[in-house]
């Protein structure tokens, strides 16, 4: 069992989730139950699955949860690209968030590679 709060990838993914919530506050009200909600759910899913996996009994289970977190990160990236293309996110915000996301994706992959399976 890992202490998820000490994992840098968890810390950075929590920061990312907070940033996406702040970003989506400016989305149009008609997007509240569609793209806004999907973005926020995907963003929260990343640190949640890292934490959930860290609390499991073995590395194989942890690796599985890290895979789910990686999948959520890809979903989030797709949603952010769509939001940018339809003009809901400006280029600077899009690049900043996707840059954070790319770093987190690499960290998840490295953590998966480091686990004994």
C-alpha atoms as a PDB file:
ATOM      1  CA  UNK A   1       0.000   0.000   0.000  1.00  0.00           C
ATOM      2  CA  UNK A   2       1.352   3.392  -1.043  1.00  0.00           C
ATOM      3  CA  UNK A   3       0.743   6.718   0.667  1.00  0.00           C
ATOM      4  CA  UNK A   4      -0.976   8.392  -2.281  1.00  0.00           C
ATOM      5  CA  UNK A   5      -0.634  11.879  -0.791  1.00  0.00           C
ATOM      6  CA  UNK A   6       3.150  11.600  -1.117  1.00  0.00           C
ATOM      7  CA  UNK A   7       3.017  10.656  -4.794  1.00  0.00           C
ATOM      8  CA  UNK A   8       3.991  13.642  -6.973  1.00  0.00           C
ATOM      9  CA  UNK A   9       1.719  12.394  -9.739  1.00  0.00           C
ATOM     10  CA  UNK A  10      -1.254  12.459  -7.368  1.00  0.00           C
ATOM     11  CA  UNK A  11      -0.344  15.973  -6.154  1.00  0.00           C
ATOM     12  CA  UNK A  12      -0.006  17.283  -9.714  1.00  0.00           C
ATOM     13  CA  UNK A  13      -3.227  15.639 -10.819  1.00  0.00           C
ATOM     14  CA  UNK A  14      -5.126  17.233  -7.921  1.00  0.00           C
ATOM     15  CA  UNK A  15      -3.710  20.603  -9.026  1.00  0.00           C
ATOM     16  CA  UNK A  16      -4.845  19.854 -12.575  1.00  0.00           C
ATOM     17  CA  UNK A  17      -8.365  18.996 -11.397  1.00  0.00           C
ATOM     18  CA  UNK A  18      -8.570  22.285  -9.502  1.00  0.00           C
ATOM     19  CA  UNK A  19      -7.326  24.166 -12.585  1.00  0.00           C
ATOM     20  CA  UNK A  20      -9.927  22.521 -14.819  1.00  0.00           C
ATOM     21  CA  UNK A  21     -12.714  23.422 -12.386  1.00  0.00           C
ATOM     22  CA  UNK A  22     -11.555  27.027 -12.420  1.00  0.00           C
ATOM     23  CA  UNK A  23     -11.349  26.966 -16.216  1.00  0.00           C
ATOM     24  CA  UNK A  24     -14.824  25.519 -16.712  1.00  0.00           C
ATOM     25  CA  UNK A  25     -16.401  28.129 -14.418  1.00  0.00           C
ATOM     26  CA  UNK A  26     -16.316  30.428 -17.441  1.00  0.00           C
ATOM     27  CA  UNK A  27     -18.045  27.991 -19.792  1.00  0.00           C
ATOM     28  CA  UNK A  28     -21.518  28.914 -21.058  1.00  0.00           C
ATOM     29  CA  UNK A  29     -24.401  27.846 -18.794  1.00  0.00           C
ATOM     30  CA  UNK A  30     -25.850  25.631 -21.520  1.00  0.00           C
ATOM     31  CA  UNK A  31     -22.709  23.467 -21.273  1.00  0.00           C
ATOM     32  CA  UNK A  32     -23.190  22.789 -17.546  1.00  0.00           C
ATOM     33  CA  UNK A  33     -24.522  19.266 -18.066  1.00  0.00           C
ATOM     34  CA  UNK A  34     -22.435  18.306 -21.056  1.00  0.00           C
ATOM     35  CA  UNK A  35     -18.838  19.285 -21.793  1.00  0.00           C
ATOM     36  CA  UNK A  36     -18.300  21.105 -18.474  1.00  0.00           C
ATOM     37  CA  UNK A  37     -19.398  18.067 -16.494  1.00  0.00           C
ATOM     38  CA  UNK A  38     -17.397  15.646 -18.649  1.00  0.00           C
ATOM     39  CA  UNK A  39     -14.215  17.695 -18.288  1.00  0.00           C
ATOM     40  CA  UNK A  40     -14.557  17.975 -14.536  1.00  0.00           C
ATOM     41  CA  UNK A  41     -15.364  14.269 -14.115  1.00  0.00           C
ATOM     42  CA  UNK A  42     -12.377  13.211 -16.198  1.00  0.00           C
ATOM     43  CA  UNK A  43     -10.092  15.572 -14.300  1.00  0.00           C
ATOM     44  CA  UNK A  44     -11.264  14.301 -10.894  1.00  0.00           C
ATOM     45  CA  UNK A  45     -11.016  10.697 -12.056  1.00  0.00           C
ATOM     46  CA  UNK A  46      -7.237  10.944 -12.514  1.00  0.00           C
ATOM     47  CA  UNK A  47      -6.190  11.602  -8.882  1.00  0.00           C
ATOM     48  CA  UNK A  48      -9.123   9.529  -7.603  1.00  0.00           C
ATOM     49  CA  UNK A  49      -7.927   6.431  -9.432  1.00  0.00           C
ATOM     50  CA  UNK A  50      -4.322   7.012  -8.399  1.00  0.00           C
ATOM     51  CA  UNK A  51      -5.468   7.189  -4.778  1.00  0.00           C
ATOM     52  CA  UNK A  52      -7.792   4.219  -5.169  1.00  0.00           C
ATOM     53  CA  UNK A  53      -5.038   2.105  -6.667  1.00  0.00           C
ATOM     54  CA  UNK A  54      -2.529   3.126  -4.022  1.00  0.00           C
ATOM     55  CA  UNK A  55      -4.883   1.780  -1.385  1.00  0.00           C
ATOM     56  CA  UNK A  56      -5.127  -1.651  -2.981  1.00  0.00           C
ATOM     57  CA  UNK A  57      -3.450  -4.802  -1.779  1.00  0.00           C
ATOM     58  CA  UNK A  58      -0.866  -5.356  -4.485  1.00  0.00           C
ATOM     59  CA  UNK A  59       1.022  -3.824  -7.380  1.00  0.00           C
ATOM     60  CA  UNK A  60      -1.109  -5.555 -10.003  1.00  0.00           C
ATOM     61  CA  UNK A  61      -4.251  -3.850  -8.693  1.00  0.00           C
ATOM     62  CA  UNK A  62      -2.413  -0.520  -8.378  1.00  0.00           C
ATOM     63  CA  UNK A  63      -1.232  -0.854 -11.984  1.00  0.00           C
ATOM     64  CA  UNK A  64      -4.811  -1.460 -13.118  1.00  0.00           C
ATOM     65  CA  UNK A  65      -6.023   1.724 -11.406  1.00  0.00           C
ATOM     66  CA  UNK A  66      -3.121   3.660 -12.916  1.00  0.00           C
ATOM     67  CA  UNK A  67      -4.305   2.417 -16.309  1.00  0.00           C
ATOM     68  CA  UNK A  68      -7.764   3.779 -15.583  1.00  0.00           C
ATOM     69  CA  UNK A  69      -6.210   7.116 -14.536  1.00  0.00           C
ATOM     70  CA  UNK A  70      -4.256   7.170 -17.805  1.00  0.00           C
ATOM     71  CA  UNK A  71      -7.466   6.512 -19.731  1.00  0.00           C
ATOM     72  CA  UNK A  72      -9.188   9.373 -17.921  1.00  0.00           C
ATOM     73  CA  UNK A  73      -6.276  11.631 -18.819  1.00  0.00           C
ATOM     74  CA  UNK A  74      -6.760  10.789 -22.514  1.00  0.00           C
ATOM     75  CA  UNK A  75     -10.481  11.492 -22.206  1.00  0.00           C
ATOM     76  CA  UNK A  76      -9.710  14.833 -20.580  1.00  0.00           C
ATOM     77  CA  UNK A  77      -7.218  15.732 -23.297  1.00  0.00           C
ATOM     78  CA  UNK A  78      -9.813  14.959 -25.978  1.00  0.00           C
ATOM     79  CA  UNK A  79     -12.456  17.059 -24.221  1.00  0.00           C
ATOM     80  CA  UNK A  80     -10.044  19.979 -23.855  1.00  0.00           C
ATOM     81  CA  UNK A  81      -9.151  19.806 -27.555  1.00  0.00           C
ATOM     82  CA  UNK A  82     -12.834  19.894 -28.445  1.00  0.00           C
ATOM     83  CA  UNK A  83     -13.479  22.805 -26.056  1.00  0.00           C
ATOM     84  CA  UNK A  84     -10.590  24.700 -27.637  1.00  0.00           C
ATOM     85  CA  UNK A  85     -11.733  24.004 -31.191  1.00  0.00           C
ATOM     86  CA  UNK A  86     -15.243  25.274 -30.516  1.00  0.00           C
ATOM     87  CA  UNK A  87     -13.884  28.415 -28.852  1.00  0.00           C
ATOM     88  CA  UNK A  88     -14.657  27.701 -25.210  1.00  0.00           C
ATOM     89  CA  UNK A  89     -10.981  27.699 -24.210  1.00  0.00           C
ATOM     90  CA  UNK A  90      -8.382  30.107 -25.540  1.00  0.00           C
ATOM     91  CA  UNK A  91      -5.021  28.863 -26.851  1.00  0.00           C
ATOM     92  CA  UNK A  92      -3.018  29.884 -23.789  1.00  0.00           C
ATOM     93  CA  UNK A  93      -5.313  28.073 -21.354  1.00  0.00           C
ATOM     94  CA  UNK A  94      -5.528  25.038 -23.607  1.00  0.00           C
ATOM     95  CA  UNK A  95      -1.748  24.776 -23.982  1.00  0.00           C
ATOM     96  CA  UNK A  96      -1.181  25.266 -20.259  1.00  0.00           C
ATOM     97  CA  UNK A  97      -3.643  22.590 -19.156  1.00  0.00           C
ATOM     98  CA  UNK A  98      -2.571  20.115 -21.847  1.00  0.00           C
ATOM     99  CA  UNK A  99       1.070  20.662 -20.884  1.00  0.00           C
ATOM    100  CA  UNK A 100       0.247  19.776 -17.268  1.00  0.00           C
ATOM    101  CA  UNK A 101      -1.721  16.788 -18.495  1.00  0.00           C
ATOM    102  CA  UNK A 102       1.145  15.563 -20.669  1.00  0.00           C
ATOM    103  CA  UNK A 103       3.497  15.647 -17.696  1.00  0.00           C
ATOM    104  CA  UNK A 104       0.991  13.690 -15.598  1.00  0.00           C
ATOM    105  CA  UNK A 105       0.555  11.102 -18.359  1.00  0.00           C
ATOM    106  CA  UNK A 106       4.331  10.551 -18.452  1.00  0.00           C
ATOM    107  CA  UNK A 107       4.459  10.271 -14.665  1.00  0.00           C
ATOM    108  CA  UNK A 108       1.669   7.684 -14.637  1.00  0.00           C
ATOM    109  CA  UNK A 109       3.491   5.630 -17.268  1.00  0.00           C
ATOM    110  CA  UNK A 110       6.777   5.777 -15.337  1.00  0.00           C
ATOM    111  CA  UNK A 111       5.033   4.799 -12.124  1.00  0.00           C
ATOM    112  CA  UNK A 112       3.443   1.841 -13.888  1.00  0.00           C
ATOM    113  CA  UNK A 113       6.851   0.795 -15.231  1.00  0.00           C
ATOM    114  CA  UNK A 114       8.356   0.945 -11.731  1.00  0.00           C
ATOM    115  CA  UNK A 115       5.807  -1.398 -10.150  1.00  0.00           C
ATOM    116  CA  UNK A 116       6.819  -5.014  -9.607  1.00  0.00           C
ATOM    117  CA  UNK A 117       4.264  -7.189 -11.332  1.00  0.00           C
END
